[in-house]
Amino acid sequence: MNLLKEELKNQIPKIQADIKKVLDEKGEKTISEVTVSQAYSGMRGIKAFVCDTSSVSAEKGLIIRGIPLLDITHILPEEVFFLLLTGRLPSEEETNDLKDEFSSQLNVPDYVWNILNEMPEDAHPMTMFNTGILSMQGESVFRKRYDDGMPKSEFWEAILEDGIRLLAKLPALGAGIYRMRFQKGARIEPDPKKDWAGNFVHMIGLPDDSGDFHRLMQLYFMLHCDHEGGNVSAFASHTVASALSDPYYAVTAGLNGLAGPLHGLANQECLKFVLSVRDEFGGLPSEEELKEYCWSRLNNGRVIPGYGHAVLRCPDPRFSAFIDFGQGHIANDDVFGIVDLLFKVVPGVLKEHGKAKNPWPNVDAASGSLLYYYGLKEFNFYTVLFSISRTMGMISQMVWERALGIPITRPKSITTDWIKTSV
């Protein structure tokens, strides 16, 4: 982390000066107008705050620090975290420095496992994961230094240190919960010689003789790292962190949002749908059979899970990356075959149906089928994997928000009566 911290120390004064210049020159300019319908519809589309770690283009999908996602699907999760924070890809030395920092912070405290052992046997893995993170709040460097009178100029450093310590532990926490919750045997200790994703694969205990599951998890953790600042998990985390709550509080808040079925939990709903197609046809249907099945579902007032997105108006590049991986590594598998065939069938059906603003697939349409293929079949665990990755984006945003002195988030709400009489 020393090299990463030095890079940020060099960047922060320059970015602070640049933003001051922007505010001096354009601080009174209007960037958005709000309609009454937007005020009643979850603030959809309202431009109201700044997030520089990533952006989402309706036509291109996720762009990380100015780089389209599909241009960097080959990089490691450690490298994408460095990119999120600094705006550039790390050198080999910087990557190894960050890996070493993660390796020094791998172990989850024993009291966390004691707490999780007391939870109901049928507790949802996300409940266990968030409980584990929150239980470590007493370890927060930011909290301790804040209580000791840390100057504001050092807030970002304490957030970064907390973030590294927390991120390092998440693969062990997630893998340990998997083995505990699904009765897979004793926990497997982390290996400091392995990379972040490799340690997760090692600790979860699934066979991986080919190394393809390791490669999939490197891709999975990289692809889910961030999705600008306005999605539920990022915005919830941002709001809580703006109160100077430490990363353990703020990340847990964001992940509680990610656990909703309209957000991160959607991946398991998509896999349930794919498995229902397999069960309906006893395997991989023909293209015509699948088309009729989708029409029947739509005509009965049901949606096609995994298709449509609040922002995107193109195939989600994260979906495209997963499809490319599956086509390159998986053969003769009915579950992935159905996902691949759905991509050929569903957009045309939805366009003809005419009610979907976006007929294209999102990331959830593909991710579960790949995990299922490699033996991770407990799909109520999938959102934990999403959480391990998305924490990188939350931490990156928190570091910069504290470095730039972004104040507490406090939008003004108005009443229905005010709208009736004042608009």
Protein backbone atom coordinates (compact mmCIF):
# COMPACT_ATOMS: atom_id res chain seq x y z
CA MET A 1 0.00 0.00 0.00
CA ASN A 2 2.97 2.33 0.41
CA LEU A 3 3.24 2.89 -3.35
CA LEU A 4 -0.53 3.36 -3.68
CA LYS A 5 -0.57 5.86 -0.81
CA GLU A 6 2.33 7.80 -2.32
CA GLU A 7 0.53 8.00 -5.65
CA LEU A 8 -2.58 9.36 -3.96
CA LYS A 9 -0.54 11.85 -1.92
CA ASN A 10 0.85 13.18 -5.19
CA GLN A 11 -2.55 13.31 -6.88
CA ILE A 12 -4.79 14.73 -4.16
CA PRO A 13 -3.42 18.34 -4.09
CA LYS A 14 -3.65 18.52 -7.88
CA ILE A 15 -7.22 17.21 -7.93
CA GLN A 16 -8.20 19.54 -5.08
CA ALA A 17 -6.83 22.50 -7.05
CA ASP A 18 -8.56 21.35 -10.22
CA ILE A 19 -11.93 21.03 -8.48
CA LYS A 20 -11.49 24.44 -6.84
CA LYS A 21 -10.94 25.88 -10.29
CA VAL A 22 -14.06 24.13 -11.61
CA LEU A 23 -16.10 25.48 -8.71
CA ASP A 24 -14.71 29.00 -9.17
CA GLU A 25 -15.53 28.98 -12.87
CA LYS A 26 -18.71 26.90 -13.00
CA GLY A 27 -20.02 26.66 -9.46
CA GLU A 28 -23.25 28.50 -10.27
CA LYS A 29 -23.97 26.64 -13.50
CA THR A 30 -27.03 24.35 -13.62
CA ILE A 31 -26.38 20.68 -14.42
CA SER A 32 -29.87 19.27 -13.89
CA GLU A 33 -33.52 20.21 -13.60
CA VAL A 34 -35.89 18.10 -11.58
CA THR A 35 -39.43 17.30 -12.65
CA VAL A 36 -42.23 16.33 -10.32
CA SER A 37 -42.34 12.86 -11.88
CA GLN A 38 -38.61 12.38 -11.15
CA ALA A 39 -39.17 13.41 -7.54
CA TYR A 40 -41.74 10.61 -7.26
CA SER A 41 -39.68 8.00 -9.15
CA GLY A 42 -36.61 7.37 -7.04
CA MET A 43 -34.73 10.44 -8.35
CA ARG A 44 -34.13 8.51 -11.59
CA GLY A 45 -31.82 10.38 -13.93
CA ILE A 46 -31.28 13.43 -11.71
CA LYS A 47 -27.68 14.69 -11.92
CA ALA A 48 -27.04 15.62 -8.31
CA PHE A 49 -23.55 14.59 -7.18
CA VAL A 50 -20.13 13.65 -8.54
CA CYS A 51 -18.47 10.23 -8.84
CA ASP A 52 -15.20 10.00 -10.75
CA THR A 53 -14.30 6.34 -10.19
CA SER A 54 -16.60 5.13 -12.97
CA SER A 55 -19.49 6.15 -15.16
CA VAL A 56 -22.21 4.27 -17.00
CA SER A 57 -23.05 5.23 -20.56
CA ALA A 58 -26.44 4.14 -21.88
CA GLU A 59 -24.76 3.26 -25.18
CA LYS A 60 -21.41 1.85 -23.94
CA GLY A 61 -22.05 0.50 -20.46
CA LEU A 62 -19.51 0.69 -17.64
CA ILE A 63 -16.48 2.95 -18.09
CA ILE A 64 -13.84 2.79 -15.36
CA ARG A 65 -11.75 5.94 -15.05
CA GLY A 66 -12.34 6.72 -18.71
CA ILE A 67 -11.57 3.18 -19.94
CA PRO A 68 -14.41 1.09 -21.44
CA LEU A 69 -14.80 -2.09 -19.41
CA LEU A 70 -14.25 -4.51 -22.29
CA ASP A 71 -10.78 -3.02 -22.83
CA ILE A 72 -9.58 -4.13 -19.38
CA THR A 73 -11.25 -7.48 -18.69
CA HIS A 74 -7.79 -9.06 -18.58
CA ILE A 75 -6.63 -7.19 -15.47
CA LEU A 76 -6.64 -8.50 -11.89
CA PRO A 77 -8.99 -7.26 -9.17
CA GLU A 78 -5.96 -5.73 -7.41
CA GLU A 79 -5.19 -3.77 -10.57
CA VAL A 80 -8.75 -2.53 -10.98
CA PHE A 81 -8.76 -1.32 -7.36
CA PHE A 82 -5.57 0.65 -8.06
CA LEU A 83 -7.19 2.02 -11.23
CA LEU A 84 -10.35 3.07 -9.38
CA LEU A 85 -8.28 5.01 -6.87
CA THR A 86 -5.63 6.57 -9.08
CA GLY A 87 -7.07 6.78 -12.58
CA ARG A 88 -4.27 4.69 -14.06
CA LEU A 89 -3.22 1.06 -14.20
CA PRO A 90 -0.44 0.06 -11.80
CA SER A 91 3.04 -1.05 -12.70
CA GLU A 92 4.10 -4.58 -11.84
CA GLU A 93 5.87 -3.23 -8.75
CA GLU A 94 2.77 -1.36 -7.63
CA THR A 95 0.57 -4.41 -8.21
CA ASN A 96 2.88 -6.59 -6.16
CA ASP A 97 3.03 -3.96 -3.40
CA LEU A 98 -0.77 -3.99 -3.17
CA LYS A 99 -0.88 -7.81 -3.22
CA ASP A 100 1.63 -7.86 -0.37
CA GLU A 101 -0.53 -5.46 1.64
CA PHE A 102 -3.59 -7.65 1.13
CA SER A 103 -1.57 -10.73 2.11
CA SER A 104 -0.55 -9.12 5.39
CA GLN A 105 -4.19 -8.53 6.42
CA LEU A 106 -5.88 -11.81 5.41
CA ASN A 107 -7.03 -13.24 8.72
CA VAL A 108 -10.55 -12.68 10.02
CA PRO A 109 -10.62 -12.28 13.84
CA ASP A 110 -11.82 -15.31 15.81
CA TYR A 111 -14.63 -13.34 17.46
CA VAL A 112 -16.25 -12.89 14.03
CA TRP A 113 -16.54 -16.64 13.57
CA ASN A 114 -17.87 -16.98 17.12
CA ILE A 115 -20.63 -14.49 16.31
CA LEU A 116 -21.49 -16.19 13.02
CA ASN A 117 -21.58 -19.60 14.69
CA GLU A 118 -24.42 -18.34 16.89
CA MET A 119 -26.61 -17.35 13.94
CA PRO A 120 -29.54 -19.56 12.79
CA GLU A 121 -28.56 -22.44 10.54
CA ASP A 122 -30.79 -21.06 7.78
CA ALA A 123 -29.47 -17.48 8.00
CA HIS A 124 -29.07 -15.89 4.57
CA PRO A 125 -25.39 -15.72 3.54
CA MET A 126 -25.72 -11.96 2.98
CA THR A 127 -26.99 -11.51 6.54
CA MET A 128 -23.97 -13.44 7.79
CA PHE A 129 -21.57 -11.52 5.55
CA ASN A 130 -22.83 -8.11 6.61
CA THR A 131 -22.88 -9.15 10.26
CA GLY A 132 -19.27 -10.28 9.95
CA ILE A 133 -18.19 -6.95 8.48
CA LEU A 134 -20.09 -4.88 11.03
CA SER A 135 -18.74 -6.94 13.92
CA MET A 136 -15.21 -5.82 12.93
CA GLN A 137 -16.09 -2.12 13.27
CA GLY A 138 -14.10 -1.92 16.49
CA GLU A 139 -10.97 -2.52 14.37
CA SER A 140 -11.48 0.74 12.45
CA VAL A 141 -8.35 2.87 12.11
CA PHE A 142 -10.47 5.84 11.07
CA ARG A 143 -12.63 5.63 14.19
CA LYS A 144 -9.62 5.47 16.50
CA ARG A 145 -7.74 8.28 14.79
CA TYR A 146 -10.85 10.45 14.58
CA ASP A 147 -11.41 10.01 18.32
CA ASP A 148 -7.77 11.07 18.86
CA GLY A 149 -8.32 14.33 16.96
CA MET A 150 -7.01 13.43 13.50
CA PRO A 151 -6.90 16.48 11.17
CA LYS A 152 -9.27 16.50 8.20
CA SER A 153 -6.35 16.39 5.78
CA GLU A 154 -5.58 12.85 6.99
CA PHE A 155 -9.13 11.46 6.81
CA TRP A 156 -8.53 9.84 3.42
CA GLU A 157 -5.44 7.99 4.64
CA ALA A 158 -7.34 6.38 7.51
CA ILE A 159 -10.19 5.46 5.16
CA LEU A 160 -7.70 3.87 2.76
CA GLU A 161 -6.05 1.89 5.56
CA ASP A 162 -9.44 0.66 6.80
CA GLY A 163 -10.43 -0.15 3.24
CA ILE A 164 -7.32 -2.23 2.51
CA ARG A 165 -7.69 -4.13 5.79
CA LEU A 166 -11.35 -4.84 5.12
CA LEU A 167 -10.93 -5.79 1.47
CA ALA A 168 -8.10 -8.17 2.33
CA LYS A 169 -10.39 -10.11 4.68
CA LEU A 170 -13.47 -10.34 2.46
CA PRO A 171 -12.44 -13.46 0.46
CA ALA A 172 -11.76 -15.31 3.74
CA LEU A 173 -15.00 -14.06 5.28
CA GLY A 174 -17.05 -15.02 2.23
CA ALA A 175 -15.41 -18.43 1.78
CA GLY A 176 -15.71 -19.21 5.48
CA ILE A 177 -19.41 -18.35 5.46
CA TYR A 178 -19.91 -20.58 2.41
CA ARG A 179 -18.32 -23.56 4.11
CA MET A 180 -20.15 -22.90 7.37
CA ARG A 181 -23.60 -22.15 5.95
CA PHE A 182 -23.63 -25.03 3.46
CA GLN A 183 -21.87 -27.56 5.68
CA LYS A 184 -18.80 -28.00 3.49
CA GLY A 185 -16.44 -28.79 6.36
CA ALA A 186 -13.92 -26.82 8.37
CA ARG A 187 -12.70 -23.43 7.22
CA ILE A 188 -9.59 -23.40 5.02
CA GLU A 189 -6.83 -21.00 6.06
CA PRO A 190 -5.75 -18.32 3.57
CA ASP A 191 -2.49 -18.63 1.65
CA PRO A 192 -0.47 -15.38 1.62
CA LYS A 193 1.26 -16.46 -1.60
CA LYS A 194 -1.99 -16.43 -3.59
CA ASP A 195 -3.65 -13.43 -5.22
CA TRP A 196 -6.96 -12.01 -3.95
CA ALA A 197 -9.23 -14.11 -6.19
CA GLY A 198 -6.95 -17.14 -5.92
CA ASN A 199 -7.26 -17.09 -2.16
CA PHE A 200 -11.03 -17.11 -2.42
CA VAL A 201 -10.93 -20.14 -4.73
CA HIS A 202 -8.46 -21.86 -2.39
CA MET A 203 -10.55 -21.18 0.73
CA ILE A 204 -13.94 -22.07 -0.73
CA GLY A 205 -12.59 -25.57 -1.40
CA LEU A 206 -14.13 -26.33 -4.80
CA PRO A 207 -12.01 -28.36 -7.24
CA ASP A 208 -10.10 -26.32 -9.80
CA ASP A 209 -7.54 -28.55 -11.48
CA SER A 210 -7.70 -26.55 -14.72
CA GLY A 211 -7.39 -23.16 -13.03
CA ASP A 212 -10.46 -21.95 -14.93
CA PHE A 213 -12.48 -21.28 -11.78
CA HIS A 214 -9.63 -19.08 -10.56
CA ARG A 215 -9.67 -17.22 -13.87
CA LEU A 216 -13.45 -16.84 -13.63
CA MET A 217 -13.26 -15.36 -10.13
CA GLN A 218 -10.55 -12.93 -11.21
CA LEU A 219 -12.92 -11.81 -13.96
CA TYR A 220 -15.99 -11.82 -11.69
CA PHE A 221 -14.38 -9.71 -8.96
CA MET A 222 -13.00 -7.31 -11.57
CA LEU A 223 -16.28 -6.88 -13.46
CA HIS A 224 -18.47 -6.13 -10.41
CA CYS A 225 -16.08 -3.61 -8.84
CA ASP A 226 -18.03 -0.39 -9.42
CA HIS A 227 -21.02 1.04 -11.32
CA GLU A 228 -20.87 4.83 -10.80
CA GLY A 229 -22.28 6.49 -7.67
CA GLY A 230 -26.05 6.46 -8.01
CA ASN A 231 -26.90 2.78 -7.69
CA VAL A 232 -28.46 1.72 -4.39
CA SER A 233 -25.36 0.17 -2.82
CA ALA A 234 -22.96 2.94 -3.86
CA PHE A 235 -25.34 5.73 -2.89
CA ALA A 236 -26.24 4.15 0.46
CA SER A 237 -22.56 3.71 1.25
CA HIS A 238 -21.81 7.27 0.11
CA THR A 239 -24.57 8.71 2.28
CA VAL A 240 -23.52 6.88 5.43
CA ALA A 241 -19.83 7.66 4.88
CA SER A 242 -20.67 11.34 4.40
CA ALA A 243 -21.61 11.41 8.09
CA LEU A 244 -17.97 10.35 8.76
CA SER A 245 -19.10 6.86 9.66
CA ASP A 246 -16.12 4.57 9.16
CA PRO A 247 -15.92 2.09 6.24
CA TYR A 248 -17.23 -0.82 8.29
CA TYR A 249 -20.48 1.05 8.90
CA ALA A 250 -20.65 2.52 5.40
CA VAL A 251 -19.83 -0.67 3.49
CA THR A 252 -22.38 -2.62 5.51
CA ALA A 253 -25.02 -0.01 4.65
CA GLY A 254 -24.21 -0.33 0.96
CA LEU A 255 -24.27 -4.11 1.04
CA ASN A 256 -27.62 -4.12 2.82
CA GLY A 257 -28.89 -2.31 -0.27
CA LEU A 258 -27.11 -4.74 -2.57
CA ALA A 259 -29.03 -7.56 -0.88
CA GLY A 260 -32.32 -6.32 -2.34
CA PRO A 261 -33.98 -8.29 -5.17
CA LEU A 262 -34.00 -5.18 -7.39
CA HIS A 263 -30.22 -4.84 -7.02
CA GLY A 264 -27.57 -7.48 -6.30
CA LEU A 265 -29.97 -10.25 -5.37
CA ALA A 266 -31.22 -10.29 -8.95
CA ASN A 267 -28.44 -12.67 -9.99
CA GLN A 268 -29.98 -15.59 -8.13
CA GLU A 269 -33.41 -14.86 -9.63
CA CYS A 270 -31.88 -15.04 -13.10
CA LEU A 271 -30.34 -18.42 -12.43
CA LYS A 272 -33.63 -19.73 -11.06
CA PHE A 273 -35.24 -18.75 -14.36
CA VAL A 274 -32.52 -20.47 -16.42
CA LEU A 275 -32.88 -23.64 -14.35
CA SER A 276 -36.66 -23.53 -14.81
CA VAL A 277 -36.12 -23.47 -18.58
CA ARG A 278 -33.80 -26.47 -18.32
CA ASP A 279 -36.33 -28.36 -16.20
CA GLU A 280 -39.19 -27.46 -18.54
CA PHE A 281 -37.43 -28.92 -21.57
CA GLY A 282 -35.31 -31.54 -19.86
CA GLY A 283 -32.16 -29.85 -21.12
CA LEU A 284 -31.33 -27.34 -23.83
CA PRO A 285 -34.41 -26.33 -25.88
CA SER A 286 -34.37 -25.43 -29.54
CA GLU A 287 -34.38 -21.77 -30.51
CA GLU A 288 -38.04 -21.97 -31.55
CA GLU A 289 -39.05 -23.72 -28.31
CA LEU A 290 -37.31 -21.08 -26.24
CA LYS A 291 -38.94 -18.29 -28.21
CA GLU A 292 -42.40 -19.75 -27.58
CA TYR A 293 -41.55 -20.20 -23.89
CA CYS A 294 -40.55 -16.53 -23.58
CA TRP A 295 -43.70 -15.36 -25.37
CA SER A 296 -45.85 -17.46 -23.07
CA ARG A 297 -44.13 -15.94 -20.05
CA LEU A 298 -44.63 -12.38 -21.31
CA ASN A 299 -48.25 -13.00 -22.25
CA ASN A 300 -48.85 -14.17 -18.68
CA GLY A 301 -47.62 -10.81 -17.38
CA ARG A 302 -44.19 -12.02 -16.25
CA VAL A 303 -40.77 -10.60 -17.11
CA ILE A 304 -37.67 -12.27 -18.52
CA PRO A 305 -35.15 -12.06 -15.63
CA GLY A 306 -31.78 -10.59 -16.54
CA TYR A 307 -33.07 -8.46 -19.40
CA GLY A 308 -33.45 -4.71 -19.06
CA HIS A 309 -31.47 -2.19 -17.03
CA ALA A 310 -32.33 1.16 -15.42
CA VAL A 311 -29.55 2.97 -17.32
CA LEU A 312 -28.17 0.80 -20.13
CA ARG A 313 -29.59 0.77 -23.64
CA CYS A 314 -27.11 -1.78 -24.96
CA PRO A 315 -25.92 -5.24 -23.93
CA ASP A 316 -24.19 -4.88 -20.56
CA PRO A 317 -20.44 -5.22 -21.28
CA ARG A 318 -20.13 -7.28 -18.09
CA PHE A 319 -22.59 -9.75 -19.63
CA SER A 320 -20.55 -9.75 -22.84
CA ALA A 321 -17.36 -10.51 -20.91
CA PHE A 322 -19.02 -13.44 -19.12
CA ILE A 323 -20.45 -14.80 -22.37
CA ASP A 324 -17.02 -14.59 -23.99
CA PHE A 325 -15.52 -16.45 -21.03
CA GLY A 326 -18.19 -19.16 -21.17
CA GLN A 327 -17.84 -19.64 -24.90
CA GLY A 328 -14.10 -20.01 -24.45
CA HIS A 329 -14.11 -22.35 -21.47
CA ILE A 330 -17.42 -24.23 -21.30
CA ALA A 331 -18.68 -26.85 -23.75
CA ASN A 332 -21.80 -29.04 -23.77
CA ASP A 333 -23.38 -27.52 -20.66
CA ASP A 334 -27.14 -27.07 -20.75
CA VAL A 335 -27.28 -24.24 -18.21
CA PHE A 336 -24.72 -22.04 -19.98
CA GLY A 337 -26.16 -23.12 -23.33
CA ILE A 338 -29.57 -21.75 -22.29
CA VAL A 339 -28.00 -18.43 -21.25
CA ASP A 340 -26.24 -18.22 -24.62
CA LEU A 341 -29.45 -19.10 -26.48
CA LEU A 342 -31.52 -16.60 -24.49
CA PHE A 343 -29.19 -13.86 -25.75
CA LYS A 344 -30.04 -14.87 -29.32
CA VAL A 345 -33.78 -15.05 -28.67
CA VAL A 346 -34.91 -12.62 -25.98
CA PRO A 347 -33.92 -9.20 -27.43
CA GLY A 348 -35.92 -9.90 -30.59
CA VAL A 349 -38.92 -11.12 -28.58
CA LEU A 350 -38.82 -8.06 -26.31
CA LYS A 351 -38.53 -5.70 -29.27
CA GLU A 352 -41.53 -7.31 -30.93
CA HIS A 353 -43.41 -7.29 -27.61
CA GLY A 354 -42.80 -3.55 -27.54
CA LYS A 355 -43.00 -2.80 -23.82
CA ALA A 356 -39.34 -3.07 -22.82
CA LYS A 357 -37.32 0.16 -23.07
CA ASN A 358 -34.15 -1.91 -23.05
CA PRO A 359 -34.32 -5.43 -24.56
CA TRP A 360 -30.68 -6.17 -23.81
CA PRO A 361 -29.20 -8.41 -21.09
CA ASN A 362 -27.56 -7.14 -17.92
CA VAL A 363 -24.74 -8.79 -15.97
CA ASP A 364 -27.10 -10.93 -13.90
CA ALA A 365 -28.26 -12.83 -16.99
CA ALA A 366 -24.92 -14.63 -17.30
CA SER A 367 -22.92 -14.61 -14.07
CA GLY A 368 -24.88 -17.29 -12.19
CA SER A 369 -24.61 -19.88 -14.94
CA LEU A 370 -20.81 -19.74 -14.86
CA LEU A 371 -20.64 -20.06 -11.08
CA TYR A 372 -23.08 -22.98 -11.29
CA TYR A 373 -20.93 -24.75 -13.85
CA TYR A 374 -17.84 -24.63 -11.63
CA GLY A 375 -19.70 -26.18 -8.72
CA LEU A 376 -20.88 -23.16 -6.77
CA LYS A 377 -24.55 -24.12 -6.97
CA GLU A 378 -25.92 -22.47 -3.82
CA PHE A 379 -27.23 -19.40 -5.57
CA ASN A 380 -28.36 -17.55 -2.46
CA PHE A 381 -24.61 -17.15 -1.90
CA TYR A 382 -24.00 -15.32 -5.18
CA THR A 383 -24.68 -11.84 -3.84
CA VAL A 384 -21.85 -12.35 -1.34
CA LEU A 385 -19.50 -12.61 -4.33
CA PHE A 386 -21.00 -9.43 -5.78
CA SER A 387 -20.39 -7.79 -2.38
CA ILE A 388 -16.73 -8.81 -2.18
CA SER A 389 -16.14 -7.09 -5.50
CA ARG A 390 -18.38 -4.03 -5.11
CA THR A 391 -16.65 -3.08 -1.85
CA MET A 392 -13.68 -1.98 -3.97
CA GLY A 393 -15.79 0.71 -5.60
CA MET A 394 -17.31 1.84 -2.30
CA ILE A 395 -13.90 2.18 -0.65
CA SER A 396 -12.45 4.03 -3.66
CA GLN A 397 -15.28 6.53 -3.63
CA MET A 398 -14.98 7.03 0.15
CA VAL A 399 -11.23 7.73 -0.08
CA TRP A 400 -11.74 10.49 -2.62
CA GLU A 401 -14.80 11.96 -0.89
CA ARG A 402 -12.77 12.41 2.30
CA ALA A 403 -9.72 13.65 0.38
CA LEU A 404 -11.86 16.32 -1.30
CA GLY A 405 -13.77 17.22 1.85
CA ILE A 406 -17.19 16.40 0.39
CA PRO A 407 -19.74 17.40 3.07
CA ILE A 408 -22.55 15.36 4.55
CA THR A 409 -25.24 14.31 2.06
CA ARG A 410 -28.47 16.09 2.93
CA PRO A 411 -30.87 16.66 0.00
CA LYS A 412 -33.97 18.73 0.65
CA SER A 413 -37.26 16.85 0.62
CA ILE A 414 -40.60 18.51 -0.10
CA THR A 415 -44.18 17.44 0.58
CA THR A 416 -46.97 16.51 -1.80
CA ASP A 417 -48.91 19.54 -0.53
CA TRP A 418 -45.94 21.79 -1.40
CA ILE A 419 -45.96 20.42 -4.97
CA LYS A 420 -49.70 21.01 -5.27
CA THR A 421 -49.46 24.61 -4.16
CA SER A 422 -46.02 25.74 -5.32
CA VAL A 423 -45.31 24.11 -8.69
